[in-house]
Amino acid sequence: MSKHAPEMPIEVDDETGVWTTDALPMLYVPRHFFINNHQAIEDEIGAERYAELLYQAGYKSAWHWCEKEAELHGISGAAVFEHYMNRLSQRGWGLFGIESLNLEAGEARVRLDYSAFVYHYGKVGRKVDYMFTGWFAGAIDQINGALGNDLKTVARQVQCAAEAGIEYGLFEVTPLT
């Protein structure tokens, strides 16, 4: 296994201790800490309800992230989505790859390898990457809105590496009907 230093800029405010990457403040926590909290909430309210809550929160967060990053880097359109997938990968959530992207149609397919959730849960026979789903629709909708296209989308996870016989996660974004 080879390793390298983080590929994203990280700055720490000397006075406040706040970490930032690009245009946004960040938190740096151990993966097990985050996922143990995630799992505790899932155990309490159920994966289905938790997925609904996370979808809305993730949608809103992705919208905000894409808006701020596009402004900071002077990018738009597909470049924003590509930057988002790159940053998600660089932050340790897993490796996100764009299999297809058609912003005008409100469509995308995103592949996920080495999911942090699958690493923790293992082969449990269900989709465990639902936290990411709202992120993709929120990103596509923000990017489209900035381009003057008010089409709204919905995202769903098609498959997860935590399911038997599945090697990678796959998400689809489609227009909201």
Protein backbone atom coordinates (compact mmCIF):
# COMPACT_ATOMS: atom_id res chain seq x y z
CA MET A 1 0.00 0.00 0.00
CA SER A 2 1.42 3.36 -0.97
CA LYS A 3 0.46 6.57 0.80
CA HIS A 4 0.67 10.30 0.16
CA ALA A 5 -0.07 13.57 1.93
CA PRO A 6 -3.55 15.12 1.57
CA GLU A 7 -4.15 16.70 -1.83
CA MET A 8 -6.39 19.48 -0.58
CA PRO A 9 -5.42 22.69 1.13
CA ILE A 10 -5.90 22.69 4.89
CA GLU A 11 -5.42 25.86 6.90
CA VAL A 12 -5.75 26.25 10.67
CA ASP A 13 -6.62 29.63 12.17
CA ASP A 14 -3.96 30.39 14.80
CA GLU A 15 -6.42 32.24 17.01
CA THR A 16 -9.53 30.03 16.83
CA GLY A 17 -8.14 26.63 15.80
CA VAL A 18 -10.77 26.40 13.03
CA TRP A 19 -9.69 24.26 10.09
CA THR A 20 -10.64 25.35 6.56
CA THR A 21 -10.33 23.76 3.16
CA ASP A 22 -10.96 26.04 0.24
CA ALA A 23 -13.98 28.18 1.18
CA LEU A 24 -15.43 26.19 4.09
CA PRO A 25 -14.68 25.41 7.74
CA MET A 26 -14.01 21.71 8.35
CA LEU A 27 -13.93 19.19 11.18
CA TYR A 28 -11.30 16.49 11.34
CA VAL A 29 -12.51 13.46 13.31
CA PRO A 30 -11.55 9.78 13.34
CA ARG A 31 -13.66 7.70 10.95
CA HIS A 32 -14.72 5.30 13.70
CA PHE A 33 -16.01 8.21 15.80
CA PHE A 34 -18.19 9.51 12.99
CA ILE A 35 -19.50 6.11 11.90
CA ASN A 36 -20.15 4.94 15.46
CA ASN A 37 -22.35 8.03 15.94
CA HIS A 38 -24.02 7.36 12.60
CA GLN A 39 -24.68 3.73 13.58
CA ALA A 40 -26.06 4.70 17.00
CA ILE A 41 -28.64 6.99 15.40
CA GLU A 42 -29.50 4.33 12.83
CA ASP A 43 -29.98 1.77 15.61
CA GLU A 44 -32.29 4.14 17.49
CA ILE A 45 -34.57 5.42 14.70
CA GLY A 46 -34.00 2.85 11.94
CA ALA A 47 -32.00 3.02 8.74
CA GLU A 48 -34.97 4.02 6.60
CA ARG A 49 -35.93 7.05 8.72
CA TYR A 50 -32.31 8.05 9.17
CA ALA A 51 -31.77 7.87 5.41
CA GLU A 52 -34.72 10.25 4.89
CA LEU A 53 -33.28 12.77 7.34
CA LEU A 54 -29.78 12.50 5.91
CA TYR A 55 -31.05 12.92 2.36
CA GLN A 56 -32.49 16.35 3.13
CA ALA A 57 -29.50 17.46 5.21
CA GLY A 58 -27.06 16.16 2.59
CA TYR A 59 -28.96 17.85 -0.23
CA LYS A 60 -28.78 21.20 1.56
CA SER A 61 -25.10 20.74 2.44
CA ALA A 62 -24.09 19.77 -1.09
CA TRP A 63 -25.95 22.78 -2.47
CA HIS A 64 -24.06 25.08 -0.10
CA TRP A 65 -20.70 23.41 -0.76
CA CYS A 66 -21.05 23.60 -4.55
CA GLU A 67 -22.16 27.23 -4.41
CA LYS A 68 -19.18 28.28 -2.26
CA GLU A 69 -16.60 26.20 -4.13
CA ALA A 70 -17.79 27.34 -7.57
CA GLU A 71 -17.49 30.94 -6.43
CA LEU A 72 -14.05 30.46 -4.85
CA HIS A 73 -12.54 28.60 -7.79
CA GLY A 74 -14.38 30.43 -10.57
CA ILE A 75 -15.80 27.21 -12.00
CA SER A 76 -19.24 26.20 -13.25
CA GLY A 77 -21.13 23.32 -14.79
CA ALA A 78 -19.55 19.89 -14.90
CA ALA A 79 -16.31 21.27 -13.43
CA VAL A 80 -18.12 21.90 -10.12
CA PHE A 81 -19.45 18.33 -9.95
CA GLU A 82 -16.03 16.93 -10.87
CA HIS A 83 -14.42 19.08 -8.16
CA TYR A 84 -17.02 17.86 -5.65
CA MET A 85 -16.39 14.18 -6.42
CA ASN A 86 -12.65 14.80 -6.19
CA ARG A 87 -12.90 16.52 -2.81
CA LEU A 88 -15.20 13.82 -1.42
CA SER A 89 -12.62 11.25 -2.46
CA GLN A 90 -9.76 13.26 -0.98
CA ARG A 91 -11.56 13.57 2.37
CA GLY A 92 -11.70 9.82 2.96
CA TRP A 93 -15.38 8.97 2.35
CA GLY A 94 -14.38 6.57 -0.42
CA LEU A 95 -13.36 6.96 -4.04
CA PHE A 96 -16.11 8.58 -6.12
CA GLY A 97 -16.04 8.31 -9.89
CA ILE A 98 -18.40 9.92 -12.38
CA GLU A 99 -19.64 7.22 -14.76
CA SER A 100 -21.93 9.62 -16.60
CA LEU A 101 -23.09 13.21 -16.23
CA ASN A 102 -25.70 15.13 -18.22
CA LEU A 103 -26.51 18.30 -16.30
CA GLU A 104 -29.06 19.59 -18.80
CA ALA A 105 -31.05 16.35 -18.48
CA GLY A 106 -30.53 16.18 -14.71
CA GLU A 107 -28.85 12.80 -14.92
CA ALA A 108 -25.73 11.31 -13.40
CA ARG A 109 -24.25 7.97 -12.38
CA VAL A 110 -21.64 7.91 -9.63
CA ARG A 111 -19.55 4.90 -8.70
CA LEU A 112 -18.22 4.49 -5.17
CA ASP A 113 -15.26 2.28 -4.33
CA TYR A 114 -13.76 1.77 -0.86
CA SER A 115 -16.70 3.29 1.01
CA ALA A 116 -15.94 4.30 4.58
CA PHE A 117 -19.33 2.88 5.59
CA VAL A 118 -18.76 -0.48 3.89
CA TYR A 119 -15.31 -0.64 5.49
CA HIS A 120 -16.98 -0.29 8.90
CA TYR A 121 -20.17 -2.34 8.37
CA GLY A 122 -18.79 -5.08 6.10
CA LYS A 123 -21.02 -7.35 4.02
CA VAL A 124 -24.30 -6.82 5.87
CA GLY A 125 -26.62 -7.48 2.92
CA ARG A 126 -28.08 -3.99 2.61
CA LYS A 127 -27.25 -0.53 1.33
CA VAL A 128 -25.25 1.38 3.94
CA ASP A 129 -24.06 4.36 1.86
CA TYR A 130 -27.38 6.22 2.00
CA MET A 131 -25.72 9.23 3.61
CA PHE A 132 -24.28 10.19 0.23
CA THR A 133 -27.49 10.04 -1.80
CA GLY A 134 -28.83 13.54 -1.13
CA TRP A 135 -25.37 14.96 -1.83
CA PHE A 136 -25.60 14.09 -5.52
CA ALA A 137 -29.05 15.58 -6.12
CA GLY A 138 -28.16 18.71 -4.12
CA ALA A 139 -25.00 19.18 -6.14
CA ILE A 140 -26.70 18.67 -9.51
CA ASP A 141 -29.57 21.00 -8.58
CA GLN A 142 -27.25 23.77 -7.36
CA ILE A 143 -25.06 23.54 -10.44
CA ASN A 144 -28.08 23.53 -12.75
CA GLY A 145 -29.64 26.45 -10.89
CA ALA A 146 -26.46 28.46 -11.30
CA LEU A 147 -26.63 27.70 -15.04
CA GLY A 148 -30.24 28.93 -15.21
CA ASN A 149 -31.80 25.46 -15.40
CA ASP A 150 -34.45 25.01 -12.68
CA LEU A 151 -34.84 21.25 -13.24
CA LYS A 152 -34.94 19.38 -9.90
CA THR A 153 -33.52 15.92 -9.40
CA VAL A 154 -33.66 12.96 -7.08
CA ALA A 155 -30.87 10.51 -6.30
CA ARG A 156 -30.95 6.90 -5.22
CA GLN A 157 -28.41 4.23 -4.47
CA VAL A 158 -28.69 1.39 -6.96
CA GLN A 159 -26.21 -0.96 -5.33
CA CYS A 160 -23.81 -1.09 -2.41
CA ALA A 161 -20.63 -3.06 -1.81
CA ALA A 162 -22.11 -4.16 1.55
CA GLU A 163 -24.56 -6.33 -0.43
CA ALA A 164 -23.68 -9.92 -1.34
CA GLY A 165 -21.95 -10.24 -4.69
CA ILE A 166 -21.56 -6.48 -5.18
CA GLU A 167 -18.08 -4.98 -5.46
CA TYR A 168 -18.83 -1.24 -5.56
CA GLY A 169 -21.55 1.28 -4.83
CA LEU A 170 -23.56 2.91 -7.58
CA PHE A 171 -25.83 5.96 -7.42
CA GLU A 172 -28.17 7.40 -10.03
CA VAL A 173 -29.50 10.94 -10.30
CA THR A 174 -32.63 11.44 -12.39
CA PRO A 175 -35.10 14.29 -12.93
CA LEU A 176 -37.77 14.62 -10.26
CA THR A 177 -41.12 13.72 -11.77
